[in-house]
Amino acid sequence: MARVKGAMMTRKRRNKTLSLAKGYWGSKSKHFKMAKQAVMKSGNYAYIGRKQKKREFRQLWIARISAAAKMNGINYSTLMNGLKKAGVTLNRKMLSEIAISDPAGFTAIVEKAKAALN
């Protein structure tokens, strides 16, 4: 049986890593060993960042809803409880968008939540 040489796959793997490291500063984009480390670390940061992005957006939406709710004389947790009891199934993202773009509509939603609490 013929001997299989690994040069082609090795070069392919190295080039893939170096192409991922394109634009990195200094030797990190030129030398395979450093590029491999930098790509692995940036991959970890990207993975963590995808989780953090979800947390940060939810935090932002809650802050916006809370501020709009306070302007209507109700706090955030009471508003969310009222909406649940009223059967309003708007998510936080949409509630925050309504609070920004349509304050009158948000006030109507708050009134519905207040009515459900009484």
PDB file of N, CA and C in Angstrom:
ATOM      1  N   MET A   1       0.838  -1.180   0.000  1.00  0.00           N
ATOM      2  CA  MET A   1       0.000   0.000   0.000  1.00  0.00           C
ATOM      3  C   MET A   1       0.885   1.245   0.000  1.00  0.00           C
ATOM      4  N   ALA A   2       0.436   2.287  -0.710  1.00  0.00           N
ATOM      5  CA  ALA A   2       1.228   3.507  -0.831  1.00  0.00           C
ATOM      6  C   ALA A   2       1.241   4.282   0.478  1.00  0.00           C
ATOM      7  N   ARG A   3       2.343   4.969   0.710  1.00  0.00           N
ATOM      8  CA  ARG A   3       2.492   5.768   1.917  1.00  0.00           C
ATOM      9  C   ARG A   3       1.732   7.087   1.739  1.00  0.00           C
ATOM     10  N   VAL A   4       0.987   7.484   2.758  1.00  0.00           N
ATOM     11  CA  VAL A   4       0.224   8.731   2.703  1.00  0.00           C
ATOM     12  C   VAL A   4       1.027   9.811   3.396  1.00  0.00           C
ATOM     13  N   LYS A   5       1.235  10.896   2.668  1.00  0.00           N
ATOM     14  CA  LYS A   5       1.942  12.028   3.251  1.00  0.00           C
ATOM     15  C   LYS A   5       0.916  13.029   3.780  1.00  0.00           C
ATOM     16  N   GLY A   6       1.265  13.703   4.865  1.00  0.00           N
ATOM     17  CA  GLY A   6       0.292  14.599   5.505  1.00  0.00           C
ATOM     18  C   GLY A   6       0.494  16.065   5.209  1.00  0.00           C
ATOM     19  N   ALA A   7       1.397  16.389   4.298  1.00  0.00           N
ATOM     20  CA  ALA A   7       1.770  17.787   4.092  1.00  0.00           C
ATOM     21  C   ALA A   7       0.598  18.629   3.618  1.00  0.00           C
ATOM     22  N   MET A   8      -0.203  18.084   2.739  1.00  0.00           N
ATOM     23  CA  MET A   8      -1.296  18.872   2.172  1.00  0.00           C
ATOM     24  C   MET A   8      -2.321  19.269   3.235  1.00  0.00           C
ATOM     25  N   MET A   9      -2.722  18.304   4.067  1.00  0.00           N
ATOM     26  CA  MET A   9      -3.714  18.593   5.114  1.00  0.00           C
ATOM     27  C   MET A   9      -3.130  19.502   6.193  1.00  0.00           C
ATOM     28  N   THR A  10      -1.849  19.324   6.495  1.00  0.00           N
ATOM     29  CA  THR A  10      -1.192  20.179   7.486  1.00  0.00           C
ATOM     30  C   THR A  10      -1.177  21.614   6.999  1.00  0.00           C
ATOM     31  N   ARG A  11      -0.810  21.798   5.722  1.00  0.00           N
ATOM     32  CA  ARG A  11      -0.770  23.141   5.148  1.00  0.00           C
ATOM     33  C   ARG A  11      -2.170  23.761   5.113  1.00  0.00           C
ATOM     34  N   LYS A  12      -3.149  22.938   4.785  1.00  0.00           N
ATOM     35  CA  LYS A  12      -4.530  23.413   4.719  1.00  0.00           C
ATOM     36  C   LYS A  12      -5.006  23.885   6.102  1.00  0.00           C
ATOM     37  N   ARG A  13      -4.691  23.074   7.125  1.00  0.00           N
ATOM     38  CA  ARG A  13      -5.081  23.419   8.493  1.00  0.00           C
ATOM     39  C   ARG A  13      -4.400  24.702   8.943  1.00  0.00           C
ATOM     40  N   ARG A  14      -3.119  24.820   8.642  1.00  0.00           N
ATOM     41  CA  ARG A  14      -2.362  26.017   9.038  1.00  0.00           C
ATOM     42  C   ARG A  14      -2.872  27.255   8.320  1.00  0.00           C
ATOM     43  N   ASN A  15      -3.156  27.105   7.033  1.00  0.00           N
ATOM     44  CA  ASN A  15      -3.667  28.251   6.273  1.00  0.00           C
ATOM     45  C   ASN A  15      -5.044  28.700   6.768  1.00  0.00           C
ATOM     46  N   LYS A  16      -5.850  27.729   7.203  1.00  0.00           N
ATOM     47  CA  LYS A  16      -7.170  28.061   7.738  1.00  0.00           C
ATOM     48  C   LYS A  16      -7.027  28.902   9.012  1.00  0.00           C
ATOM     49  N   THR A  17      -6.111  28.485   9.886  1.00  0.00           N
ATOM     50  CA  THR A  17      -5.864  29.230  11.126  1.00  0.00           C
ATOM     51  C   THR A  17      -5.298  30.604  10.827  1.00  0.00           C
ATOM     52  N   LEU A  18      -4.356  30.679   9.885  1.00  0.00           N
ATOM     53  CA  LEU A  18      -3.755  31.970   9.539  1.00  0.00           C
ATOM     54  C   LEU A  18      -4.776  32.906   8.887  1.00  0.00           C
ATOM     55  N   SER A  19      -5.709  32.356   8.129  1.00  0.00           N
ATOM     56  CA  SER A  19      -6.723  33.217   7.519  1.00  0.00           C
ATOM     57  C   SER A  19      -7.691  33.748   8.577  1.00  0.00           C
ATOM     58  N   LEU A  20      -7.952  32.947   9.621  1.00  0.00           N
ATOM     59  CA  LEU A  20      -8.783  33.420  10.730  1.00  0.00           C
ATOM     60  C   LEU A  20      -8.076  34.512  11.522  1.00  0.00           C
ATOM     61  N   ALA A  21      -6.739  34.467  11.529  1.00  0.00           N
ATOM     62  CA  ALA A  21      -5.946  35.443  12.281  1.00  0.00           C
ATOM     63  C   ALA A  21      -5.590  36.664  11.446  1.00  0.00           C
ATOM     64  N   LYS A  22      -6.119  36.762  10.241  1.00  0.00           N
ATOM     65  CA  LYS A  22      -5.812  37.893   9.361  1.00  0.00           C
ATOM     66  C   LYS A  22      -6.277  39.193  10.015  1.00  0.00           C
ATOM     67  N   GLY A  23      -5.411  40.183  10.039  1.00  0.00           N
ATOM     68  CA  GLY A  23      -5.749  41.461  10.650  1.00  0.00           C
ATOM     69  C   GLY A  23      -5.273  41.583  12.091  1.00  0.00           C
ATOM     70  N   TYR A  24      -4.786  40.487  12.674  1.00  0.00           N
ATOM     71  CA  TYR A  24      -4.253  40.563  14.026  1.00  0.00           C
ATOM     72  C   TYR A  24      -2.919  41.284  13.984  1.00  0.00           C
ATOM     73  N   TRP A  25      -2.553  41.871  15.113  1.00  0.00           N
ATOM     74  CA  TRP A  25      -1.360  42.710  15.184  1.00  0.00           C
ATOM     75  C   TRP A  25      -0.092  41.858  15.251  1.00  0.00           C
ATOM     76  N   GLY A  26       0.926  42.281  14.513  1.00  0.00           N
ATOM     77  CA  GLY A  26       2.260  41.680  14.598  1.00  0.00           C
ATOM     78  C   GLY A  26       2.320  40.230  14.171  1.00  0.00           C
ATOM     79  N   SER A  27       3.086  39.441  14.938  1.00  0.00           N
ATOM     80  CA  SER A  27       3.329  38.034  14.592  1.00  0.00           C
ATOM     81  C   SER A  27       2.086  37.174  14.694  1.00  0.00           C
ATOM     82  N   LYS A  28       1.072  37.666  15.378  1.00  0.00           N
ATOM     83  CA  LYS A  28      -0.143  36.874  15.553  1.00  0.00           C
ATOM     84  C   LYS A  28      -0.822  36.574  14.227  1.00  0.00           C
ATOM     85  N   SER A  29      -0.556  37.373  13.222  1.00  0.00           N
ATOM     86  CA  SER A  29      -1.162  37.113  11.917  1.00  0.00           C
ATOM     87  C   SER A  29      -0.205  36.419  10.961  1.00  0.00           C
ATOM     88  N   LYS A  30       1.072  36.287  11.352  1.00  0.00           N
ATOM     89  CA  LYS A  30       2.083  35.735  10.445  1.00  0.00           C
ATOM     90  C   LYS A  30       2.562  34.341  10.852  1.00  0.00           C
ATOM     91  N   HIS A  31       2.796  34.148  12.148  1.00  0.00           N
ATOM     92  CA  HIS A  31       3.355  32.888  12.632  1.00  0.00           C
ATOM     93  C   HIS A  31       2.250  31.966  13.126  1.00  0.00           C
ATOM     94  N   PHE A  32       2.308  30.716  12.664  1.00  0.00           N
ATOM     95  CA  PHE A  32       1.233  29.768  12.957  1.00  0.00           C
ATOM     96  C   PHE A  32       1.034  29.558  14.448  1.00  0.00           C
ATOM     97  N   LYS A  33       2.121  29.372  15.191  1.00  0.00           N
ATOM     98  CA  LYS A  33       2.011  29.062  16.617  1.00  0.00           C
ATOM     99  C   LYS A  33       1.285  30.184  17.369  1.00  0.00           C
ATOM    100  N   MET A  34       1.677  31.412  17.092  1.00  0.00           N
ATOM    101  CA  MET A  34       1.044  32.553  17.767  1.00  0.00           C
ATOM    102  C   MET A  34      -0.378  32.778  17.258  1.00  0.00           C
ATOM    103  N   ALA A  35      -0.559  32.556  15.978  1.00  0.00           N
ATOM    104  CA  ALA A  35      -1.889  32.723  15.383  1.00  0.00           C
ATOM    105  C   ALA A  35      -2.869  31.720  15.987  1.00  0.00           C
ATOM    106  N   LYS A  36      -2.414  30.499  16.188  1.00  0.00           N
ATOM    107  CA  LYS A  36      -3.266  29.457  16.750  1.00  0.00           C
ATOM    108  C   LYS A  36      -3.744  29.846  18.146  1.00  0.00           C
ATOM    109  N   GLN A  37      -2.816  30.361  18.955  1.00  0.00           N
ATOM    110  CA  GLN A  37      -3.178  30.787  20.313  1.00  0.00           C
ATOM    111  C   GLN A  37      -4.173  31.946  20.281  1.00  0.00           C
ATOM    112  N   ALA A  38      -3.902  32.918  19.401  1.00  0.00           N
ATOM    113  CA  ALA A  38      -4.757  34.099  19.313  1.00  0.00           C
ATOM    114  C   ALA A  38      -6.160  33.730  18.816  1.00  0.00           C
ATOM    115  N   VAL A  39      -6.235  32.834  17.841  1.00  0.00           N
ATOM    116  CA  VAL A  39      -7.531  32.409  17.291  1.00  0.00           C
ATOM    117  C   VAL A  39      -8.327  31.645  18.350  1.00  0.00           C
ATOM    118  N   MET A  40      -7.644  30.793  19.110  1.00  0.00           N
ATOM    119  CA  MET A  40      -8.337  30.047  20.167  1.00  0.00           C
ATOM    120  C   MET A  40      -8.890  30.996  21.230  1.00  0.00           C
ATOM    121  N   LYS A  41      -8.093  31.974  21.618  1.00  0.00           N
ATOM    122  CA  LYS A  41      -8.529  32.918  22.640  1.00  0.00           C
ATOM    123  C   LYS A  41      -9.678  33.783  22.129  1.00  0.00           C
ATOM    124  N   SER A  42      -9.563  34.245  20.876  1.00  0.00           N
ATOM    125  CA  SER A  42     -10.632  35.079  20.326  1.00  0.00           C
ATOM    126  C   SER A  42     -11.908  34.276  20.145  1.00  0.00           C
ATOM    127  N   GLY A  43     -11.765  32.980  19.844  1.00  0.00           N
ATOM    128  CA  GLY A  43     -12.937  32.107  19.757  1.00  0.00           C
ATOM    129  C   GLY A  43     -13.640  31.974  21.091  1.00  0.00           C
ATOM    130  N   ASN A  44     -12.860  31.878  22.164  1.00  0.00           N
ATOM    131  CA  ASN A  44     -13.435  31.818  23.512  1.00  0.00           C
ATOM    132  C   ASN A  44     -14.157  33.115  23.847  1.00  0.00           C
ATOM    133  N   TYR A  45     -13.544  34.244  23.518  1.00  0.00           N
ATOM    134  CA  TYR A  45     -14.170  35.543  23.762  1.00  0.00           C
ATOM    135  C   TYR A  45     -15.474  35.670  22.978  1.00  0.00           C
ATOM    136  N   ALA A  46     -15.468  35.199  21.736  1.00  0.00           N
ATOM    137  CA  ALA A  46     -16.666  35.268  20.898  1.00  0.00           C
ATOM    138  C   ALA A  46     -17.788  34.415  21.482  1.00  0.00           C
ATOM    139  N   TYR A  47     -17.431  33.231  21.976  1.00  0.00           N
ATOM    140  CA  TYR A  47     -18.412  32.321  22.571  1.00  0.00           C
ATOM    141  C   TYR A  47     -19.043  32.961  23.805  1.00  0.00           C
ATOM    142  N   ILE A  48     -18.198  33.517  24.666  1.00  0.00           N
ATOM    143  CA  ILE A  48     -18.681  34.170  25.881  1.00  0.00           C
ATOM    144  C   ILE A  48     -19.521  35.394  25.518  1.00  0.00           C
ATOM    145  N   GLY A  49     -19.059  36.144  24.503  1.00  0.00           N
ATOM    146  CA  GLY A  49     -19.750  37.357  24.070  1.00  0.00           C
ATOM    147  C   GLY A  49     -21.149  37.096  23.564  1.00  0.00           C
ATOM    148  N   ARG A  50     -21.342  35.954  22.905  1.00  0.00           N
ATOM    149  CA  ARG A  50     -22.684  35.622  22.405  1.00  0.00           C
ATOM    150  C   ARG A  50     -23.657  35.401  23.557  1.00  0.00           C
ATOM    151  N   LYS A  51     -23.176  34.883  24.670  1.00  0.00           N
ATOM    152  CA  LYS A  51     -24.032  34.702  25.853  1.00  0.00           C
ATOM    153  C   LYS A  51     -24.282  36.056  26.537  1.00  0.00           C
ATOM    154  N   GLN A  52     -23.214  36.871  26.654  1.00  0.00           N
ATOM    155  CA  GLN A  52     -23.330  38.161  27.332  1.00  0.00           C
ATOM    156  C   GLN A  52     -24.252  39.110  26.588  1.00  0.00           C
ATOM    157  N   LYS A  53     -24.243  39.027  25.264  1.00  0.00           N
ATOM    158  CA  LYS A  53     -25.085  39.888  24.434  1.00  0.00           C
ATOM    159  C   LYS A  53     -26.556  39.744  24.806  1.00  0.00           C
ATOM    160  N   LYS A  54     -26.993  38.507  25.017  1.00  0.00           N
ATOM    161  CA  LYS A  54     -28.379  38.235  25.385  1.00  0.00           C
ATOM    162  C   LYS A  54     -28.712  38.849  26.744  1.00  0.00           C
ATOM    163  N   ARG A  55     -27.776  38.704  27.695  1.00  0.00           N
ATOM    164  CA  ARG A  55     -27.981  39.268  29.036  1.00  0.00           C
ATOM    165  C   ARG A  55     -28.076  40.784  28.984  1.00  0.00           C
ATOM    166  N   GLU A  56     -27.142  41.386  28.235  1.00  0.00           N
ATOM    167  CA  GLU A  56     -27.070  42.848  28.187  1.00  0.00           C
ATOM    168  C   GLU A  56     -28.300  43.453  27.528  1.00  0.00           C
ATOM    169  N   PHE A  57     -28.801  42.814  26.477  1.00  0.00           N
ATOM    170  CA  PHE A  57     -30.006  43.328  25.826  1.00  0.00           C
ATOM    171  C   PHE A  57     -31.217  43.225  26.740  1.00  0.00           C
ATOM    172  N   ARG A  58     -31.344  42.092  27.436  1.00  0.00           N
ATOM    173  CA  ARG A  58     -32.466  41.940  28.366  1.00  0.00           C
ATOM    174  C   ARG A  58     -32.400  43.009  29.456  1.00  0.00           C
ATOM    175  N   GLN A  59     -31.201  43.266  29.948  1.00  0.00           N
ATOM    176  CA  GLN A  59     -30.990  44.289  30.979  1.00  0.00           C
ATOM    177  C   GLN A  59     -31.404  45.675  30.460  1.00  0.00           C
ATOM    178  N   LEU A  60     -31.052  45.968  29.217  1.00  0.00           N
ATOM    179  CA  LEU A  60     -31.405  47.238  28.589  1.00  0.00           C
ATOM    180  C   LEU A  60     -32.913  47.378  28.444  1.00  0.00           C
ATOM    181  N   TRP A  61     -33.576  46.310  27.966  1.00  0.00           N
ATOM    182  CA  TRP A  61     -35.031  46.360  27.789  1.00  0.00           C
ATOM    183  C   TRP A  61     -35.727  46.590  29.124  1.00  0.00           C
ATOM    184  N   ILE A  62     -35.256  45.906  30.163  1.00  0.00           N
ATOM    185  CA  ILE A  62     -35.862  46.059  31.487  1.00  0.00           C
ATOM    186  C   ILE A  62     -35.681  47.478  32.002  1.00  0.00           C
ATOM    187  N   ALA A  63     -34.497  48.057  31.800  1.00  0.00           N
ATOM    188  CA  ALA A  63     -34.233  49.435  32.242  1.00  0.00           C
ATOM    189  C   ALA A  63     -35.170  50.413  31.528  1.00  0.00           C
ATOM    190  N   ARG A  64     -35.381  50.201  30.230  1.00  0.00           N
ATOM    191  CA  ARG A  64     -36.270  51.084  29.454  1.00  0.00           C
ATOM    192  C   ARG A  64     -37.719  50.952  29.916  1.00  0.00           C
ATOM    193  N   ILE A  65     -38.165  49.719  30.123  1.00  0.00           N
ATOM    194  CA  ILE A  65     -39.543  49.495  30.570  1.00  0.00           C
ATOM    195  C   ILE A  65     -39.746  50.102  31.952  1.00  0.00           C
ATOM    196  N   SER A  66     -38.756  49.907  32.817  1.00  0.00           N
ATOM    197  CA  SER A  66     -38.824  50.424  34.180  1.00  0.00           C
ATOM    198  C   SER A  66     -38.945  51.946  34.190  1.00  0.00           C
ATOM    199  N   ALA A  67     -38.140  52.610  33.354  1.00  0.00           N
ATOM    200  CA  ALA A  67     -38.184  54.074  33.276  1.00  0.00           C
ATOM    201  C   ALA A  67     -39.542  54.557  32.765  1.00  0.00           C
ATOM    202  N   ALA A  68     -40.063  53.896  31.745  1.00  0.00           N
ATOM    203  CA  ALA A  68     -41.360  54.278  31.190  1.00  0.00           C
ATOM    204  C   ALA A  68     -42.489  53.994  32.185  1.00  0.00           C
ATOM    205  N   ALA A  69     -42.354  52.909  32.930  1.00  0.00           N
ATOM    206  CA  ALA A  69     -43.374  52.549  33.914  1.00  0.00           C
ATOM    207  C   ALA A  69     -43.412  53.567  35.051  1.00  0.00           C
ATOM    208  N   LYS A  70     -42.241  54.016  35.480  1.00  0.00           N
ATOM    209  CA  LYS A  70     -42.168  55.021  36.549  1.00  0.00           C
ATOM    210  C   LYS A  70     -42.834  56.327  36.127  1.00  0.00           C
ATOM    211  N   MET A  71     -42.722  56.656  34.839  1.00  0.00           N
ATOM    212  CA  MET A  71     -43.384  57.867  34.327  1.00  0.00           C
ATOM    213  C   MET A  71     -44.901  57.719  34.367  1.00  0.00           C
ATOM    214  N   ASN A  72     -45.387  56.478  34.389  1.00  0.00           N
ATOM    215  CA  ASN A  72     -46.822  56.209  34.467  1.00  0.00           C
ATOM    216  C   ASN A  72     -47.267  55.835  35.880  1.00  0.00           C
ATOM    217  N   GLY A  73     -46.396  56.046  36.851  1.00  0.00           N
ATOM    218  CA  GLY A  73     -46.753  55.860  38.258  1.00  0.00           C
ATOM    219  C   GLY A  73     -46.852  54.411  38.719  1.00  0.00           C
ATOM    220  N   ILE A  74     -46.020  53.548  38.175  1.00  0.00           N
ATOM    221  CA  ILE A  74     -46.015  52.135  38.576  1.00  0.00           C
ATOM    222  C   ILE A  74     -44.578  51.631  38.470  1.00  0.00           C
ATOM    223  N   ASN A  75     -44.196  50.692  39.325  1.00  0.00           N
ATOM    224  CA  ASN A  75     -42.835  50.179  39.186  1.00  0.00           C
ATOM    225  C   ASN A  75     -42.813  48.959  38.275  1.00  0.00           C
ATOM    226  N   TYR A  76     -41.620  48.533  37.895  1.00  0.00           N
ATOM    227  CA  TYR A  76     -41.437  47.487  36.884  1.00  0.00           C
ATOM    228  C   TYR A  76     -42.078  46.162  37.284  1.00  0.00           C
ATOM    229  N   SER A  77     -41.783  45.709  38.510  1.00  0.00           N
ATOM    230  CA  SER A  77     -42.262  44.384  38.917  1.00  0.00           C
ATOM    231  C   SER A  77     -43.785  44.356  39.013  1.00  0.00           C
ATOM    232  N   THR A  78     -44.377  45.445  39.490  1.00  0.00           N
ATOM    233  CA  THR A  78     -45.837  45.525  39.576  1.00  0.00           C
ATOM    234  C   THR A  78     -46.453  45.526  38.177  1.00  0.00           C
ATOM    235  N   LEU A  79     -45.814  46.238  37.265  1.00  0.00           N
ATOM    236  CA  LEU A  79     -46.287  46.278  35.869  1.00  0.00           C
ATOM    237  C   LEU A  79     -46.264  44.878  35.256  1.00  0.00           C
ATOM    238  N   MET A  80     -45.151  44.179  35.406  1.00  0.00           N
ATOM    239  CA  MET A  80     -45.028  42.847  34.814  1.00  0.00           C
ATOM    240  C   MET A  80     -46.039  41.867  35.430  1.00  0.00           C
ATOM    241  N   ASN A  81     -46.265  41.996  36.732  1.00  0.00           N
ATOM    242  CA  ASN A  81     -47.268  41.164  37.409  1.00  0.00           C
ATOM    243  C   ASN A  81     -48.662  41.471  36.867  1.00  0.00           C
ATOM    244  N   GLY A  82     -48.963  42.751  36.701  1.00  0.00           N
ATOM    245  CA  GLY A  82     -50.267  43.157  36.160  1.00  0.00           C
ATOM    246  C   GLY A  82     -50.474  42.670  34.741  1.00  0.00           C
ATOM    247  N   LEU A  83     -49.418  42.750  33.920  1.00  0.00           N
ATOM    248  CA  LEU A  83     -49.518  42.287  32.534  1.00  0.00           C
ATOM    249  C   LEU A  83     -49.771  40.785  32.482  1.00  0.00           C
ATOM    250  N   LYS A  84     -49.119  40.051  33.372  1.00  0.00           N
ATOM    251  CA  LYS A  84     -49.311  38.593  33.413  1.00  0.00           C
ATOM    252  C   LYS A  84     -50.752  38.258  33.796  1.00  0.00           C
ATOM    253  N   LYS A  85     -51.284  38.978  34.803  1.00  0.00           N
ATOM    254  CA  LYS A  85     -52.657  38.746  35.247  1.00  0.00           C
ATOM    255  C   LYS A  85     -53.671  39.181  34.194  1.00  0.00           C
ATOM    256  N   ALA A  86     -53.324  40.225  33.416  1.00  0.00           N
ATOM    257  CA  ALA A  86     -54.218  40.721  32.360  1.00  0.00           C
ATOM    258  C   ALA A  86     -54.171  39.827  31.120  1.00  0.00           C
ATOM    259  N   GLY A  87     -53.200  38.940  31.059  1.00  0.00           N
ATOM    260  CA  GLY A  87     -53.080  38.045  29.910  1.00  0.00           C
ATOM    261  C   GLY A  87     -52.403  38.687  28.714  1.00  0.00           C
ATOM    262  N   VAL A  88     -51.629  39.756  28.972  1.00  0.00           N
ATOM    263  CA  VAL A  88     -50.877  40.414  27.897  1.00  0.00           C
ATOM    264  C   VAL A  88     -49.560  39.670  27.733  1.00  0.00           C
ATOM    265  N   THR A  89     -49.333  39.115  26.547  1.00  0.00           N
ATOM    266  CA  THR A  89     -48.138  38.292  26.337  1.00  0.00           C
ATOM    267  C   THR A  89     -47.107  38.989  25.458  1.00  0.00           C
ATOM    268  N   LEU A  90     -46.879  40.255  25.738  1.00  0.00           N
ATOM    269  CA  LEU A  90     -45.817  40.984  25.020  1.00  0.00           C
ATOM    270  C   LEU A  90     -44.490  40.710  25.696  1.00  0.00           C
ATOM    271  N   ASN A  91     -43.450  40.445  24.901  1.00  0.00           N
ATOM    272  CA  ASN A  91     -42.142  40.226  25.509  1.00  0.00           C
ATOM    273  C   ASN A  91     -41.470  41.561  25.834  1.00  0.00           C
ATOM    274  N   ARG A  92     -40.376  41.500  26.569  1.00  0.00           N
ATOM    275  CA  ARG A  92     -39.718  42.705  27.050  1.00  0.00           C
ATOM    276  C   ARG A  92     -39.164  43.562  25.915  1.00  0.00           C
ATOM    277  N   LYS A  93     -38.700  42.905  24.866  1.00  0.00           N
ATOM    278  CA  LYS A  93     -38.160  43.631  23.718  1.00  0.00           C
ATOM    279  C   LYS A  93     -39.240  44.511  23.099  1.00  0.00           C
ATOM    280  N   MET A  94     -40.409  43.946  22.866  1.00  0.00           N
ATOM    281  CA  MET A  94     -41.511  44.695  22.255  1.00  0.00           C
ATOM    282  C   MET A  94     -42.035  45.771  23.194  1.00  0.00           C
ATOM    283  N   LEU A  95     -42.121  45.459  24.481  1.00  0.00           N
ATOM    284  CA  LEU A  95     -42.564  46.463  25.452  1.00  0.00           C
ATOM    285  C   LEU A  95     -41.645  47.675  25.458  1.00  0.00           C
ATOM    286  N   SER A  96     -40.334  47.424  25.398  1.00  0.00           N
ATOM    287  CA  SER A  96     -39.385  48.547  25.403  1.00  0.00           C
ATOM    288  C   SER A  96     -39.498  49.358  24.119  1.00  0.00           C
ATOM    289  N   GLU A  97     -39.723  48.690  22.985  1.00  0.00           N
ATOM    290  CA  GLU A  97     -39.897  49.402  21.722  1.00  0.00           C
ATOM    291  C   GLU A  97     -41.157  50.274  21.751  1.00  0.00           C
ATOM    292  N   ILE A  98     -42.243  49.725  22.317  1.00  0.00           N
ATOM    293  CA  ILE A  98     -43.491  50.491  22.443  1.00  0.00           C
ATOM    294  C   ILE A  98     -43.275  51.690  23.361  1.00  0.00           C
ATOM    295  N   ALA A  99     -42.552  51.481  24.462  1.00  0.00           N
ATOM    296  CA  ALA A  99     -42.288  52.557  25.421  1.00  0.00           C
ATOM    297  C   ALA A  99     -41.532  53.707  24.769  1.00  0.00           C
ATOM    298  N   ILE A 100     -40.637  53.383  23.827  1.00  0.00           N
ATOM    299  CA  ILE A 100     -39.840  54.419  23.159  1.00  0.00           C
ATOM    300  C   ILE A 100     -40.633  55.090  22.044  1.00  0.00           C
ATOM    301  N   SER A 101     -41.208  54.275  21.166  1.00  0.00           N
ATOM    302  CA  SER A 101     -41.802  54.826  19.947  1.00  0.00           C
ATOM    303  C   SER A 101     -43.249  55.295  20.118  1.00  0.00           C
ATOM    304  N   ASP A 102     -43.998  54.697  21.072  1.00  0.00           N
ATOM    305  CA  ASP A 102     -45.418  55.030  21.222  1.00  0.00           C
ATOM    306  C   ASP A 102     -45.781  55.156  22.702  1.00  0.00           C
ATOM    307  N   PRO A 103     -45.431  56.295  23.326  1.00  0.00           N
ATOM    308  CA  PRO A 103     -45.711  56.458  24.758  1.00  0.00           C
ATOM    309  C   PRO A 103     -47.200  56.348  25.112  1.00  0.00           C
ATOM    310  N   ALA A 104     -48.061  56.822  24.214  1.00  0.00           N
ATOM    311  CA  ALA A 104     -49.506  56.742  24.477  1.00  0.00           C
ATOM    312  C   ALA A 104     -49.959  55.283  24.499  1.00  0.00           C
ATOM    313  N   GLY A 105     -49.449  54.495  23.598  1.00  0.00           N
ATOM    314  CA  GLY A 105     -49.768  53.069  23.561  1.00  0.00           C
ATOM    315  C   GLY A 105     -49.268  52.355  24.801  1.00  0.00           C
ATOM    316  N   PHE A 106     -48.074  52.745  25.258  1.00  0.00           N
ATOM    317  CA  PHE A 106     -47.511  52.141  26.467  1.00  0.00           C
ATOM    318  C   PHE A 106     -48.366  52.493  27.677  1.00  0.00           C
ATOM    319  N   THR A 107     -48.867  53.746  27.715  1.00  0.00           N
ATOM    320  CA  THR A 107     -49.743  54.169  28.807  1.00  0.00           C
ATOM    321  C   THR A 107     -51.012  53.326  28.829  1.00  0.00           C
ATOM    322  N   ALA A 108     -51.548  53.017  27.651  1.00  0.00           N
ATOM    323  CA  ALA A 108     -52.741  52.166  27.567  1.00  0.00           C
ATOM    324  C   ALA A 108     -52.449  50.768  28.108  1.00  0.00           C
ATOM    325  N   ILE A 109     -51.268  50.254  27.804  1.00  0.00           N
ATOM    326  CA  ILE A 109     -50.867  48.932  28.312  1.00  0.00           C
ATOM    327  C   ILE A 109     -50.745  48.967  29.830  1.00  0.00           C
ATOM    328  N   VAL A 110     -50.164  50.056  30.349  1.00  0.00           N
ATOM    329  CA  VAL A 110     -50.013  50.209  31.804  1.00  0.00           C
ATOM    330  C   VAL A 110     -51.384  50.259  32.475  1.00  0.00           C
ATOM    331  N   GLU A 111     -52.318  50.975  31.863  1.00  0.00           N
ATOM    332  CA  GLU A 111     -53.671  51.068  32.424  1.00  0.00           C
ATOM    333  C   GLU A 111     -54.349  49.691  32.479  1.00  0.00           C
ATOM    334  N   LYS A 112     -54.122  48.898  31.437  1.00  0.00           N
ATOM    335  CA  LYS A 112     -54.670  47.537  31.397  1.00  0.00           C
ATOM    336  C   LYS A 112     -54.073  46.702  32.520  1.00  0.00           C
ATOM    337  N   ALA A 113     -52.768  46.858  32.769  1.00  0.00           N
ATOM    338  CA  ALA A 113     -52.100  46.123  33.849  1.00  0.00           C
ATOM    339  C   ALA A 113     -52.621  46.558  35.219  1.00  0.00           C
ATOM    340  N   LYS A 114     -52.814  47.874  35.388  1.00  0.00           N
ATOM    341  CA  LYS A 114     -53.346  48.400  36.659  1.00  0.00           C
ATOM    342  C   LYS A 114     -54.749  47.872  36.918  1.00  0.00           C
ATOM    343  N   ALA A 115     -55.555  47.815  35.855  1.00  0.00           N
ATOM    344  CA  ALA A 115     -56.926  47.319  35.995  1.00  0.00           C
ATOM    345  C   ALA A 115     -56.946  45.844  36.406  1.00  0.00           C
ATOM    346  N   ALA A 116     -56.016  45.068  35.898  1.00  0.00           N
ATOM    347  CA  ALA A 116     -55.939  43.641  36.233  1.00  0.00           C
ATOM    348  C   ALA A 116     -55.516  43.423  37.676  1.00  0.00           C
ATOM    349  N   LEU A 117     -54.769  44.372  38.237  1.00  0.00           N
ATOM    350  CA  LEU A 117     -54.310  44.239  39.618  1.00  0.00           C
ATOM    351  C   LEU A 117     -55.419  44.568  40.630  1.00  0.00           C
ATOM    352  N   ASN A 118     -56.357  45.386  40.231  1.00  0.00           N
ATOM    353  CA  ASN A 118     -57.433  45.797  41.167  1.00  0.00           C
ATOM    354  C   ASN A 118     -58.602  44.858  41.174  1.00  0.00           C
TER     355      ASN A 118
END
